[in-house]
Amino acid sequence: MSKNSVLLSTAYLAPVQYYSKLLHYDHVIMEKWENYNKQTYRNRCKIYGANGVLNLIIPVVNNSQFKILIKDIEIDYSTHWQKLHWKSIESAYRSTPYFPYFADNLYSYYKKKYKFLLDFNLEVQQTILDILETDKKINFTAEYQANAENDCRDLIHPKKQVSDIHFLDIPYHQVFSEKYGFQANLSILDLLFNEGMNAVTILQQSFKNDQ
């Protein structure tokens, strides 16, 4: 991988940090041969609702006795998670300025059933990229990458505070900020619904180049 490339994991409605890298690098490589890791952005996102930050987690079929490649992880539909996720998203963002503009683009993903988590994440991600008006092409690893330049697979994590010298938290308008203050690095949905196409500028500003 070159210095103009970044290696990312798949992610469900990934955070601002993730998209700042996705937009910055010329070549985006996605890992599809890693073993599935629990409690990461691969199957969860964070949104900002009336009661504060809320985790939305996609349930997956996973036998903990065996390691499963991320490309083979299946979504578990034994609960009505799609209905619950969309209800939470709508409740959190229906009063934001840009929810009416983008909601219809995303709602269909909560009606259709995808077998594999990777496929679901990729299609939602492509819709986000379309909204951001970028034609960024995503390539995939042909095998597991043990070492890579600009490896961000585990750098962007919901539960670990990992230092990232290339990311800046750029405050922006949030509907519930008067109640709980600004909440950084939430799902790209939070930025889009609150800022509209200004999200592109904020994402660009969020990437800190080497000095």
N, C-alpha and C. Protein backbone atom coordinates (compact mmCIF):
# COMPACT_ATOMS: atom_id res chain seq x y z
N MET A 1 0.83 -1.21 0.00
CA MET A 1 0.00 0.00 0.00
C MET A 1 0.87 1.25 0.00
N SER A 2 0.45 2.25 -0.73
CA SER A 2 1.19 3.50 -0.82
C SER A 2 0.74 4.46 0.28
N LYS A 3 1.46 5.59 0.39
CA LYS A 3 1.10 6.60 1.39
C LYS A 3 -0.22 7.28 1.04
N ASN A 4 -0.67 7.11 -0.17
CA ASN A 4 -1.96 7.68 -0.58
C ASN A 4 -3.09 6.68 -0.40
N SER A 5 -2.81 5.57 0.30
CA SER A 5 -3.80 4.53 0.54
C SER A 5 -4.12 4.44 2.02
N VAL A 6 -5.34 3.98 2.32
CA VAL A 6 -5.73 3.74 3.69
C VAL A 6 -6.42 2.38 3.77
N LEU A 7 -6.16 1.65 4.84
CA LEU A 7 -6.78 0.35 5.05
C LEU A 7 -7.83 0.49 6.15
N LEU A 8 -9.08 0.19 5.80
CA LEU A 8 -10.19 0.33 6.72
C LEU A 8 -10.91 -1.00 6.90
N SER A 9 -11.59 -1.13 8.02
CA SER A 9 -12.52 -2.24 8.21
C SER A 9 -13.87 -1.83 7.63
N THR A 10 -14.77 -2.79 7.48
CA THR A 10 -16.14 -2.42 7.19
C THR A 10 -16.74 -1.78 8.44
N ALA A 11 -17.77 -0.96 8.27
CA ALA A 11 -18.37 -0.29 9.43
C ALA A 11 -19.83 0.04 9.13
N TYR A 12 -20.63 0.01 10.17
CA TYR A 12 -22.05 0.32 10.08
C TYR A 12 -22.25 1.81 10.36
N LEU A 13 -22.66 2.57 9.35
CA LEU A 13 -22.87 4.01 9.50
C LEU A 13 -21.72 4.62 10.30
N ALA A 14 -20.54 4.48 9.74
CA ALA A 14 -19.28 4.77 10.42
C ALA A 14 -19.21 6.20 10.96
N PRO A 15 -18.33 6.43 11.93
CA PRO A 15 -18.20 7.76 12.53
C PRO A 15 -17.48 8.75 11.63
N VAL A 16 -17.48 9.99 12.05
CA VAL A 16 -16.85 11.08 11.30
C VAL A 16 -15.37 10.78 11.03
N GLN A 17 -14.68 10.25 12.02
CA GLN A 17 -13.26 9.91 11.89
C GLN A 17 -13.03 8.98 10.69
N TYR A 18 -13.87 8.01 10.54
CA TYR A 18 -13.78 7.03 9.44
C TYR A 18 -13.95 7.73 8.09
N TYR A 19 -14.99 8.55 7.99
CA TYR A 19 -15.26 9.20 6.70
C TYR A 19 -14.24 10.28 6.36
N SER A 20 -13.62 10.87 7.38
CA SER A 20 -12.57 11.85 7.09
C SER A 20 -11.40 11.19 6.36
N LYS A 21 -11.11 9.96 6.72
CA LYS A 21 -10.05 9.21 6.04
C LYS A 21 -10.52 8.71 4.68
N LEU A 22 -11.73 8.24 4.62
CA LEU A 22 -12.27 7.71 3.38
C LEU A 22 -12.25 8.78 2.27
N LEU A 23 -12.57 10.02 2.66
CA LEU A 23 -12.57 11.10 1.67
C LEU A 23 -11.17 11.62 1.37
N HIS A 24 -10.26 11.54 2.34
CA HIS A 24 -8.94 12.13 2.14
C HIS A 24 -8.03 11.31 1.24
N TYR A 25 -7.99 10.01 1.45
CA TYR A 25 -7.02 9.17 0.73
C TYR A 25 -7.48 8.85 -0.69
N ASP A 26 -6.51 8.80 -1.59
CA ASP A 26 -6.81 8.51 -2.99
C ASP A 26 -7.30 7.07 -3.18
N HIS A 27 -6.69 6.16 -2.42
CA HIS A 27 -7.01 4.74 -2.57
C HIS A 27 -7.52 4.19 -1.24
N VAL A 28 -8.73 3.68 -1.26
CA VAL A 28 -9.35 3.12 -0.05
C VAL A 28 -9.42 1.60 -0.19
N ILE A 29 -8.76 0.91 0.73
CA ILE A 29 -8.74 -0.55 0.73
C ILE A 29 -9.54 -1.03 1.94
N MET A 30 -10.46 -1.95 1.71
CA MET A 30 -11.25 -2.49 2.80
C MET A 30 -10.87 -3.94 3.06
N GLU A 31 -10.66 -4.24 4.34
CA GLU A 31 -10.27 -5.58 4.75
C GLU A 31 -11.49 -6.49 4.79
N LYS A 32 -11.42 -7.60 4.03
CA LYS A 32 -12.52 -8.56 4.06
C LYS A 32 -12.08 -9.95 4.50
N TRP A 33 -10.80 -10.09 4.87
CA TRP A 33 -10.28 -11.40 5.26
C TRP A 33 -9.88 -11.46 6.72
N GLU A 34 -10.20 -10.44 7.49
CA GLU A 34 -9.92 -10.47 8.91
C GLU A 34 -10.97 -11.30 9.64
N ASN A 35 -10.62 -11.77 10.84
CA ASN A 35 -11.61 -12.42 11.69
C ASN A 35 -12.52 -11.35 12.30
N TYR A 36 -13.79 -11.69 12.43
CA TYR A 36 -14.75 -10.76 12.99
C TYR A 36 -14.37 -10.39 14.42
N ASN A 37 -14.42 -9.09 14.72
CA ASN A 37 -14.13 -8.58 16.06
C ASN A 37 -15.40 -8.00 16.68
N LYS A 38 -15.71 -8.44 17.87
CA LYS A 38 -16.89 -7.95 18.57
C LYS A 38 -16.67 -6.53 19.10
N GLN A 39 -17.79 -5.85 19.40
CA GLN A 39 -17.80 -4.55 20.05
C GLN A 39 -16.98 -3.51 19.31
N THR A 40 -17.11 -3.50 18.00
CA THR A 40 -16.44 -2.51 17.17
C THR A 40 -17.48 -1.85 16.26
N TYR A 41 -17.02 -0.89 15.47
CA TYR A 41 -17.93 -0.21 14.54
C TYR A 41 -18.34 -1.09 13.37
N ARG A 42 -17.82 -2.30 13.30
CA ARG A 42 -18.18 -3.18 12.20
C ARG A 42 -19.68 -3.48 12.20
N ASN A 43 -20.29 -3.51 13.38
CA ASN A 43 -21.73 -3.76 13.44
C ASN A 43 -22.45 -2.83 14.41
N ARG A 44 -21.86 -1.64 14.65
CA ARG A 44 -22.53 -0.69 15.53
C ARG A 44 -22.21 0.73 15.12
N CYS A 45 -23.09 1.63 15.53
CA CYS A 45 -22.84 3.06 15.33
C CYS A 45 -23.36 3.81 16.54
N LYS A 46 -22.98 5.08 16.64
CA LYS A 46 -23.43 5.93 17.74
C LYS A 46 -24.18 7.13 17.18
N ILE A 47 -25.40 7.34 17.69
CA ILE A 47 -26.19 8.49 17.29
C ILE A 47 -26.50 9.34 18.52
N TYR A 48 -27.06 10.53 18.31
CA TYR A 48 -27.29 11.50 19.38
C TYR A 48 -28.79 11.76 19.49
N GLY A 49 -29.39 11.21 20.53
CA GLY A 49 -30.82 11.37 20.71
C GLY A 49 -31.16 12.28 21.88
N ALA A 50 -32.43 12.35 22.20
CA ALA A 50 -32.92 13.24 23.26
C ALA A 50 -32.38 12.87 24.63
N ASN A 51 -31.96 11.62 24.80
CA ASN A 51 -31.41 11.16 26.08
C ASN A 51 -29.90 10.98 26.05
N GLY A 52 -29.26 11.53 25.03
CA GLY A 52 -27.81 11.43 24.92
C GLY A 52 -27.37 10.48 23.82
N VAL A 53 -26.13 10.02 23.90
CA VAL A 53 -25.57 9.14 22.87
C VAL A 53 -26.17 7.75 23.00
N LEU A 54 -26.55 7.20 21.85
CA LEU A 54 -27.19 5.88 21.81
C LEU A 54 -26.42 4.97 20.86
N ASN A 55 -26.13 3.75 21.31
CA ASN A 55 -25.50 2.75 20.46
C ASN A 55 -26.56 1.95 19.72
N LEU A 56 -26.40 1.85 18.40
CA LEU A 56 -27.25 0.97 17.60
C LEU A 56 -26.38 -0.20 17.15
N ILE A 57 -26.78 -1.40 17.50
CA ILE A 57 -25.96 -2.59 17.25
C ILE A 57 -26.72 -3.58 16.37
N ILE A 58 -26.11 -3.97 15.27
CA ILE A 58 -26.69 -5.00 14.40
C ILE A 58 -26.36 -6.36 14.99
N PRO A 59 -27.35 -7.18 15.34
CA PRO A 59 -27.06 -8.52 15.86
C PRO A 59 -26.55 -9.42 14.74
N VAL A 60 -25.59 -10.23 15.06
CA VAL A 60 -25.00 -11.12 14.05
C VAL A 60 -25.04 -12.56 14.53
N VAL A 61 -25.01 -13.48 13.56
CA VAL A 61 -24.94 -14.90 13.86
C VAL A 61 -23.47 -15.22 14.08
N ASN A 62 -23.12 -15.57 15.32
CA ASN A 62 -21.70 -15.75 15.61
C ASN A 62 -21.53 -16.80 16.70
N ASN A 63 -20.96 -17.91 16.33
CA ASN A 63 -20.61 -18.95 17.30
C ASN A 63 -19.25 -18.59 17.89
N SER A 64 -19.24 -18.20 19.16
CA SER A 64 -18.02 -17.70 19.77
C SER A 64 -16.91 -18.74 19.87
N GLN A 65 -17.24 -20.01 19.62
CA GLN A 65 -16.21 -21.05 19.68
C GLN A 65 -15.32 -21.05 18.44
N PHE A 66 -15.76 -20.37 17.40
CA PHE A 66 -15.01 -20.40 16.15
C PHE A 66 -14.72 -18.99 15.66
N LYS A 67 -13.60 -18.83 15.01
CA LYS A 67 -13.28 -17.56 14.37
C LYS A 67 -13.95 -17.54 13.00
N ILE A 68 -14.59 -16.43 12.69
CA ILE A 68 -15.32 -16.30 11.44
C ILE A 68 -14.80 -15.08 10.69
N LEU A 69 -14.54 -15.23 9.42
CA LEU A 69 -14.09 -14.10 8.61
C LEU A 69 -15.20 -13.06 8.52
N ILE A 70 -14.83 -11.80 8.49
CA ILE A 70 -15.81 -10.73 8.44
C ILE A 70 -16.72 -10.86 7.21
N LYS A 71 -16.17 -11.35 6.10
CA LYS A 71 -16.97 -11.48 4.89
C LYS A 71 -18.06 -12.56 5.03
N ASP A 72 -17.92 -13.43 6.03
CA ASP A 72 -18.87 -14.53 6.21
C ASP A 72 -19.83 -14.30 7.37
N ILE A 73 -19.72 -13.17 8.04
CA ILE A 73 -20.61 -12.89 9.17
C ILE A 73 -22.02 -12.59 8.66
N GLU A 74 -22.99 -13.34 9.19
CA GLU A 74 -24.38 -13.17 8.79
C GLU A 74 -25.14 -12.35 9.82
N ILE A 75 -26.12 -11.61 9.33
CA ILE A 75 -26.97 -10.80 10.20
C ILE A 75 -28.04 -11.68 10.83
N ASP A 76 -28.31 -11.44 12.10
CA ASP A 76 -29.32 -12.19 12.84
C ASP A 76 -30.64 -11.41 12.83
N TYR A 77 -31.67 -12.02 12.28
CA TYR A 77 -32.98 -11.36 12.19
C TYR A 77 -33.99 -11.93 13.17
N SER A 78 -33.50 -12.56 14.24
CA SER A 78 -34.42 -13.12 15.23
C SER A 78 -35.09 -12.04 16.07
N THR A 79 -34.55 -10.81 16.03
CA THR A 79 -35.20 -9.67 16.65
C THR A 79 -35.52 -8.65 15.56
N HIS A 80 -36.37 -7.69 15.88
CA HIS A 80 -36.77 -6.67 14.90
C HIS A 80 -35.82 -5.46 14.97
N TRP A 81 -34.54 -5.74 14.81
CA TRP A 81 -33.55 -4.68 14.98
C TRP A 81 -33.69 -3.58 13.93
N GLN A 82 -34.08 -3.92 12.71
CA GLN A 82 -34.22 -2.89 11.67
C GLN A 82 -35.27 -1.86 12.05
N LYS A 83 -36.40 -2.35 12.51
CA LYS A 83 -37.48 -1.46 12.94
C LYS A 83 -37.03 -0.58 14.10
N LEU A 84 -36.34 -1.19 15.06
CA LEU A 84 -35.88 -0.45 16.23
C LEU A 84 -34.82 0.58 15.85
N HIS A 85 -33.90 0.22 14.96
CA HIS A 85 -32.86 1.16 14.55
C HIS A 85 -33.46 2.36 13.83
N TRP A 86 -34.36 2.09 12.89
CA TRP A 86 -34.93 3.22 12.15
C TRP A 86 -35.77 4.11 13.07
N LYS A 87 -36.51 3.50 13.97
CA LYS A 87 -37.30 4.29 14.92
C LYS A 87 -36.39 5.18 15.76
N SER A 88 -35.25 4.67 16.18
CA SER A 88 -34.28 5.44 16.96
C SER A 88 -33.68 6.57 16.13
N ILE A 89 -33.33 6.27 14.87
CA ILE A 89 -32.77 7.29 13.98
C ILE A 89 -33.79 8.40 13.73
N GLU A 90 -35.01 8.00 13.45
CA GLU A 90 -36.06 8.98 13.18
C GLU A 90 -36.33 9.85 14.40
N SER A 91 -36.39 9.23 15.57
CA SER A 91 -36.64 9.97 16.81
C SER A 91 -35.51 10.95 17.10
N ALA A 92 -34.28 10.53 16.84
CA ALA A 92 -33.12 11.38 17.13
C ALA A 92 -32.99 12.55 16.16
N TYR A 93 -33.35 12.34 14.91
CA TYR A 93 -32.99 13.32 13.88
C TYR A 93 -34.14 13.95 13.09
N ARG A 94 -35.36 13.61 13.40
CA ARG A 94 -36.47 14.16 12.60
C ARG A 94 -36.59 15.68 12.72
N SER A 95 -36.04 16.25 13.80
CA SER A 95 -36.10 17.71 13.96
C SER A 95 -34.86 18.42 13.43
N THR A 96 -33.93 17.66 12.86
CA THR A 96 -32.72 18.28 12.29
C THR A 96 -33.04 18.90 10.94
N PRO A 97 -32.25 19.88 10.52
CA PRO A 97 -32.56 20.60 9.27
C PRO A 97 -32.58 19.72 8.02
N TYR A 98 -31.76 18.67 7.97
CA TYR A 98 -31.59 17.94 6.72
C TYR A 98 -32.16 16.52 6.73
N PHE A 99 -32.82 16.15 7.81
CA PHE A 99 -33.44 14.82 7.85
C PHE A 99 -34.42 14.61 6.69
N PRO A 100 -35.27 15.59 6.37
CA PRO A 100 -36.23 15.38 5.26
C PRO A 100 -35.55 15.15 3.91
N TYR A 101 -34.32 15.65 3.76
CA TYR A 101 -33.63 15.55 2.48
C TYR A 101 -32.98 14.17 2.27
N PHE A 102 -32.54 13.54 3.36
CA PHE A 102 -31.74 12.33 3.23
C PHE A 102 -32.41 11.07 3.76
N ALA A 103 -33.46 11.21 4.53
CA ALA A 103 -34.07 10.05 5.19
C ALA A 103 -34.54 9.00 4.20
N ASP A 104 -35.17 9.44 3.12
CA ASP A 104 -35.70 8.48 2.15
C ASP A 104 -34.60 7.66 1.50
N ASN A 105 -33.40 8.24 1.37
CA ASN A 105 -32.27 7.51 0.78
C ASN A 105 -31.85 6.32 1.63
N LEU A 106 -32.13 6.40 2.93
CA LEU A 106 -31.63 5.39 3.85
C LEU A 106 -32.70 4.43 4.35
N TYR A 107 -33.95 4.87 4.33
CA TYR A 107 -35.03 4.09 4.92
C TYR A 107 -35.15 2.70 4.29
N SER A 108 -34.93 2.59 2.99
CA SER A 108 -35.11 1.31 2.30
C SER A 108 -34.21 0.21 2.86
N TYR A 109 -33.06 0.57 3.42
CA TYR A 109 -32.14 -0.43 3.96
C TYR A 109 -32.69 -1.08 5.23
N TYR A 110 -33.69 -0.45 5.81
CA TYR A 110 -34.29 -1.00 7.02
C TYR A 110 -35.58 -1.77 6.73
N LYS A 111 -35.81 -2.00 5.45
CA LYS A 111 -36.95 -2.82 5.01
C LYS A 111 -36.48 -4.09 4.32
N LYS A 112 -35.29 -4.04 3.76
CA LYS A 112 -34.75 -5.16 3.00
C LYS A 112 -33.82 -5.99 3.89
N LYS A 113 -33.86 -7.30 3.75
CA LYS A 113 -33.00 -8.18 4.53
C LYS A 113 -31.77 -8.60 3.73
N TYR A 114 -30.62 -8.35 4.30
CA TYR A 114 -29.34 -8.76 3.72
C TYR A 114 -28.82 -9.94 4.51
N LYS A 115 -28.25 -10.90 3.84
CA LYS A 115 -27.71 -12.07 4.54
C LYS A 115 -26.43 -11.72 5.28
N PHE A 116 -25.53 -11.01 4.59
CA PHE A 116 -24.21 -10.76 5.16
C PHE A 116 -24.06 -9.31 5.62
N LEU A 117 -23.42 -9.15 6.78
CA LEU A 117 -23.16 -7.82 7.34
C LEU A 117 -22.35 -6.96 6.37
N LEU A 118 -21.33 -7.54 5.76
CA LEU A 118 -20.48 -6.78 4.85
C LEU A 118 -21.28 -6.20 3.70
N ASP A 119 -22.18 -6.96 3.12
CA ASP A 119 -22.99 -6.47 2.01
C ASP A 119 -23.89 -5.32 2.44
N PHE A 120 -24.51 -5.47 3.59
CA PHE A 120 -25.37 -4.41 4.11
C PHE A 120 -24.57 -3.13 4.34
N ASN A 121 -23.44 -3.25 5.04
CA ASN A 121 -22.61 -2.07 5.32
C ASN A 121 -22.16 -1.37 4.04
N LEU A 122 -21.76 -2.15 3.04
CA LEU A 122 -21.25 -1.58 1.81
C LEU A 122 -22.32 -0.81 1.04
N GLU A 123 -23.52 -1.34 1.01
CA GLU A 123 -24.58 -0.66 0.27
C GLU A 123 -24.99 0.63 0.98
N VAL A 124 -25.08 0.60 2.30
CA VAL A 124 -25.39 1.82 3.04
C VAL A 124 -24.27 2.84 2.85
N GLN A 125 -23.03 2.37 2.92
CA GLN A 125 -21.89 3.27 2.73
C GLN A 125 -21.90 3.92 1.35
N GLN A 126 -22.25 3.16 0.33
CA GLN A 126 -22.29 3.73 -1.01
C GLN A 126 -23.34 4.83 -1.11
N THR A 127 -24.46 4.63 -0.45
CA THR A 127 -25.50 5.67 -0.43
C THR A 127 -24.99 6.94 0.26
N ILE A 128 -24.26 6.76 1.36
CA ILE A 128 -23.67 7.92 2.04
C ILE A 128 -22.69 8.64 1.12
N LEU A 129 -21.86 7.89 0.41
CA LEU A 129 -20.91 8.50 -0.52
C LEU A 129 -21.62 9.23 -1.65
N ASP A 130 -22.72 8.67 -2.11
CA ASP A 130 -23.52 9.34 -3.14
C ASP A 130 -24.08 10.66 -2.63
N ILE A 131 -24.57 10.65 -1.39
CA ILE A 131 -25.08 11.88 -0.78
C ILE A 131 -23.97 12.92 -0.68
N LEU A 132 -22.78 12.47 -0.32
CA LEU A 132 -21.62 13.37 -0.20
C LEU A 132 -21.04 13.77 -1.56
N GLU A 133 -21.62 13.20 -2.61
CA GLU A 133 -21.23 13.52 -3.99
C GLU A 133 -19.75 13.22 -4.25
N THR A 134 -19.32 12.05 -3.80
CA THR A 134 -17.97 11.61 -4.08
C THR A 134 -18.03 10.28 -4.82
N ASP A 135 -17.15 10.11 -5.77
CA ASP A 135 -17.12 8.87 -6.56
C ASP A 135 -15.98 7.96 -6.09
N LYS A 136 -15.67 8.06 -4.81
CA LYS A 136 -14.58 7.27 -4.24
C LYS A 136 -14.82 5.78 -4.48
N LYS A 137 -13.81 5.10 -5.03
CA LYS A 137 -13.91 3.68 -5.31
C LYS A 137 -13.29 2.89 -4.16
N ILE A 138 -14.01 1.87 -3.71
CA ILE A 138 -13.52 1.01 -2.63
C ILE A 138 -12.98 -0.28 -3.23
N ASN A 139 -11.74 -0.61 -2.89
CA ASN A 139 -11.14 -1.89 -3.29
C ASN A 139 -11.04 -2.79 -2.06
N PHE A 140 -10.85 -4.07 -2.30
CA PHE A 140 -10.82 -5.03 -1.20
C PHE A 140 -9.49 -5.76 -1.16
N THR A 141 -9.10 -6.17 0.03
CA THR A 141 -7.90 -6.97 0.18
C THR A 141 -8.11 -8.34 -0.46
N ALA A 142 -7.06 -8.87 -1.07
CA ALA A 142 -7.12 -10.20 -1.67
C ALA A 142 -6.80 -11.28 -0.64
N GLU A 143 -6.18 -10.86 0.46
CA GLU A 143 -5.85 -11.74 1.57
C GLU A 143 -5.69 -10.86 2.80
N TYR A 144 -5.58 -11.49 3.96
CA TYR A 144 -5.45 -10.70 5.19
C TYR A 144 -4.14 -9.91 5.17
N GLN A 145 -4.24 -8.63 5.53
CA GLN A 145 -3.08 -7.76 5.57
C GLN A 145 -2.56 -7.69 7.00
N ALA A 146 -1.43 -8.34 7.26
CA ALA A 146 -0.86 -8.34 8.62
C ALA A 146 -0.28 -6.97 8.96
N ASN A 147 0.35 -6.34 7.98
CA ASN A 147 0.94 -5.02 8.19
C ASN A 147 0.64 -4.16 6.97
N ALA A 148 0.31 -2.91 7.22
CA ALA A 148 0.00 -2.02 6.11
C ALA A 148 0.20 -0.57 6.54
N GLU A 149 0.58 0.25 5.58
CA GLU A 149 0.70 1.68 5.82
C GLU A 149 -0.70 2.24 6.01
N ASN A 150 -0.82 3.20 6.95
CA ASN A 150 -2.12 3.84 7.22
C ASN A 150 -3.20 2.79 7.53
N ASP A 151 -2.85 1.91 8.44
CA ASP A 151 -3.77 0.85 8.86
C ASP A 151 -4.73 1.42 9.92
N CYS A 152 -5.98 1.57 9.56
CA CYS A 152 -6.97 2.15 10.47
C CYS A 152 -8.04 1.15 10.89
N ARG A 153 -7.78 -0.13 10.68
CA ARG A 153 -8.78 -1.15 10.98
C ARG A 153 -9.21 -1.12 12.45
N ASP A 154 -8.26 -0.94 13.34
CA ASP A 154 -8.58 -0.92 14.77
C ASP A 154 -8.25 0.42 15.42
N LEU A 155 -7.84 1.37 14.61
CA LEU A 155 -7.58 2.72 15.11
C LEU A 155 -8.88 3.41 15.48
N ILE A 156 -9.91 3.16 14.68
CA ILE A 156 -11.22 3.79 14.88
C ILE A 156 -12.08 2.81 15.67
N HIS A 157 -12.27 3.09 16.95
CA HIS A 157 -12.87 2.10 17.85
C HIS A 157 -13.85 2.77 18.81
N PRO A 158 -15.02 2.17 19.04
CA PRO A 158 -16.03 2.80 19.91
C PRO A 158 -15.72 2.68 21.40
N LYS A 159 -14.84 1.77 21.80
CA LYS A 159 -14.61 1.52 23.22
C LYS A 159 -13.19 1.79 23.67
N LYS A 160 -12.26 1.97 22.74
CA LYS A 160 -10.87 2.23 23.08
C LYS A 160 -10.47 3.63 22.63
N GLN A 161 -9.78 4.33 23.49
CA GLN A 161 -9.26 5.64 23.14
C GLN A 161 -7.89 5.46 22.50
N VAL A 162 -7.87 5.43 21.18
CA VAL A 162 -6.62 5.22 20.44
C VAL A 162 -6.20 6.55 19.83
N SER A 163 -4.96 6.95 20.07
CA SER A 163 -4.47 8.22 19.55
C SER A 163 -4.44 8.22 18.02
N ASP A 164 -4.97 9.27 17.44
CA ASP A 164 -5.01 9.40 15.98
C ASP A 164 -4.50 10.79 15.62
N ILE A 165 -3.27 10.87 15.17
CA ILE A 165 -2.65 12.17 14.89
C ILE A 165 -3.25 12.84 13.65
N HIS A 166 -4.04 12.10 12.89
CA HIS A 166 -4.62 12.66 11.67
C HIS A 166 -6.10 13.03 11.80
N PHE A 167 -6.60 13.05 13.03
CA PHE A 167 -8.01 13.37 13.20
C PHE A 167 -8.21 14.52 14.17
N LEU A 168 -9.04 15.48 13.77
CA LEU A 168 -9.42 16.60 14.61
C LEU A 168 -10.94 16.58 14.82
N ASP A 169 -11.37 16.79 16.05
CA ASP A 169 -12.80 16.94 16.33
C ASP A 169 -13.22 18.35 15.97
N ILE A 170 -13.98 18.49 14.91
CA ILE A 170 -14.47 19.80 14.48
C ILE A 170 -15.91 19.96 14.97
N PRO A 171 -16.18 20.83 15.93
CA PRO A 171 -17.54 21.00 16.42
C PRO A 171 -18.48 21.50 15.31
N TYR A 172 -19.69 21.04 15.34
CA TYR A 172 -20.72 21.48 14.41
C TYR A 172 -22.05 21.51 15.15
N HIS A 173 -23.06 22.05 14.53
CA HIS A 173 -24.37 22.15 15.16
C HIS A 173 -24.98 20.77 15.42
N GLN A 174 -25.45 20.56 16.64
CA GLN A 174 -26.19 19.35 16.99
C GLN A 174 -27.45 19.75 17.74
N VAL A 175 -28.56 19.13 17.42
CA VAL A 175 -29.86 19.53 17.95
C VAL A 175 -29.90 19.52 19.47
N PHE A 176 -29.27 18.51 20.08
CA PHE A 176 -29.37 18.37 21.53
C PHE A 176 -28.13 18.88 22.28
N SER A 177 -27.31 19.69 21.60
CA SER A 177 -26.07 20.15 22.23
C SER A 177 -26.32 21.07 23.42
N GLU A 178 -27.44 21.81 23.43
CA GLU A 178 -27.73 22.68 24.57
C GLU A 178 -27.99 21.87 25.82
N LYS A 179 -28.45 20.64 25.65
CA LYS A 179 -28.78 19.77 26.78
C LYS A 179 -27.58 18.98 27.27
N TYR A 180 -26.79 18.43 26.33
CA TYR A 180 -25.69 17.54 26.70
C TYR A 180 -24.32 18.00 26.21
N GLY A 181 -24.29 19.10 25.48
CA GLY A 181 -23.03 19.56 24.93
C GLY A 181 -22.70 18.86 23.62
N PHE A 182 -21.64 19.30 22.96
CA PHE A 182 -21.24 18.70 21.70
C PHE A 182 -20.69 17.30 21.94
N GLN A 183 -21.17 16.35 21.14
CA GLN A 183 -20.71 14.96 21.22
C GLN A 183 -19.90 14.66 19.95
N ALA A 184 -18.64 14.36 20.13
CA ALA A 184 -17.72 14.21 19.01
C ALA A 184 -17.74 12.82 18.41
N ASN A 185 -17.41 12.76 17.14
CA ASN A 185 -17.13 11.51 16.42
C ASN A 185 -18.30 10.53 16.46
N LEU A 186 -19.49 11.03 16.25
CA LEU A 186 -20.66 10.17 16.14
C LEU A 186 -20.79 9.65 14.71
N SER A 187 -21.83 8.88 14.46
CA SER A 187 -22.09 8.36 13.13
C SER A 187 -22.16 9.48 12.10
N ILE A 188 -21.79 9.17 10.89
CA ILE A 188 -21.90 10.13 9.78
C ILE A 188 -23.32 10.66 9.65
N LEU A 189 -24.31 9.88 10.10
CA LEU A 189 -25.70 10.36 10.06
C LEU A 189 -25.87 11.65 10.85
N ASP A 190 -25.22 11.73 12.01
CA ASP A 190 -25.35 12.91 12.85
C ASP A 190 -24.86 14.14 12.12
N LEU A 191 -23.73 14.02 11.47
CA LEU A 191 -23.16 15.14 10.71
C LEU A 191 -24.03 15.49 9.51
N LEU A 192 -24.48 14.51 8.76
CA LEU A 192 -25.30 14.76 7.58
C LEU A 192 -26.63 15.42 7.92
N PHE A 193 -27.34 14.87 8.89
CA PHE A 193 -28.66 15.39 9.22
C PHE A 193 -28.60 16.78 9.83
N ASN A 194 -27.51 17.09 10.51
CA ASN A 194 -27.37 18.42 11.12
C ASN A 194 -26.77 19.47 10.20
N GLU A 195 -25.88 19.04 9.29
CA GLU A 195 -25.11 20.01 8.50
C GLU A 195 -25.34 19.92 7.00
N GLY A 196 -26.02 18.90 6.52
CA GLY A 196 -26.25 18.80 5.08
C GLY A 196 -24.94 18.67 4.33
N MET A 197 -24.86 19.32 3.19
CA MET A 197 -23.66 19.20 2.36
C MET A 197 -22.45 19.91 2.94
N ASN A 198 -22.64 20.72 3.97
CA ASN A 198 -21.49 21.28 4.69
C ASN A 198 -20.69 20.19 5.37
N ALA A 199 -21.27 18.99 5.44
CA ALA A 199 -20.56 17.84 6.02
C ALA A 199 -19.25 17.58 5.28
N VAL A 200 -19.22 17.80 3.98
CA VAL A 200 -18.00 17.56 3.21
C VAL A 200 -16.87 18.45 3.70
N THR A 201 -17.16 19.73 3.92
CA THR A 201 -16.15 20.67 4.41
C THR A 201 -15.66 20.26 5.79
N ILE A 202 -16.58 19.87 6.66
CA ILE A 202 -16.20 19.46 8.01
C ILE A 202 -15.34 18.20 7.97
N LEU A 203 -15.68 17.25 7.11
CA LEU A 203 -14.87 16.04 6.97
C LEU A 203 -13.46 16.37 6.48
N GLN A 204 -13.37 17.30 5.55
CA GLN A 204 -12.05 17.70 5.05
C GLN A 204 -11.23 18.38 6.14
N GLN A 205 -11.88 19.21 6.94
CA GLN A 205 -11.20 19.90 8.03
C GLN A 205 -10.82 18.93 9.15
N SER A 206 -11.53 17.82 9.24
CA SER A 206 -11.29 16.85 10.31
C SER A 206 -10.02 16.04 10.09
N PHE A 207 -9.52 16.02 8.86
CA PHE A 207 -8.29 15.30 8.59
C PHE A 207 -7.10 16.23 8.77
N LYS A 208 -6.21 15.86 9.68
CA LYS A 208 -5.04 16.67 9.99
C LYS A 208 -3.84 16.13 9.24
N ASN A 209 -3.30 16.90 8.33
CA ASN A 209 -2.12 16.47 7.56
C ASN A 209 -0.87 16.55 8.41
N ASP A 210 0.16 15.83 7.97
CA ASP A 210 1.46 15.90 8.65
C ASP A 210 2.01 17.31 8.51
N GLN A 211 2.60 17.77 9.59
CA GLN A 211 3.20 19.10 9.57
C GLN A 211 4.67 19.03 9.14
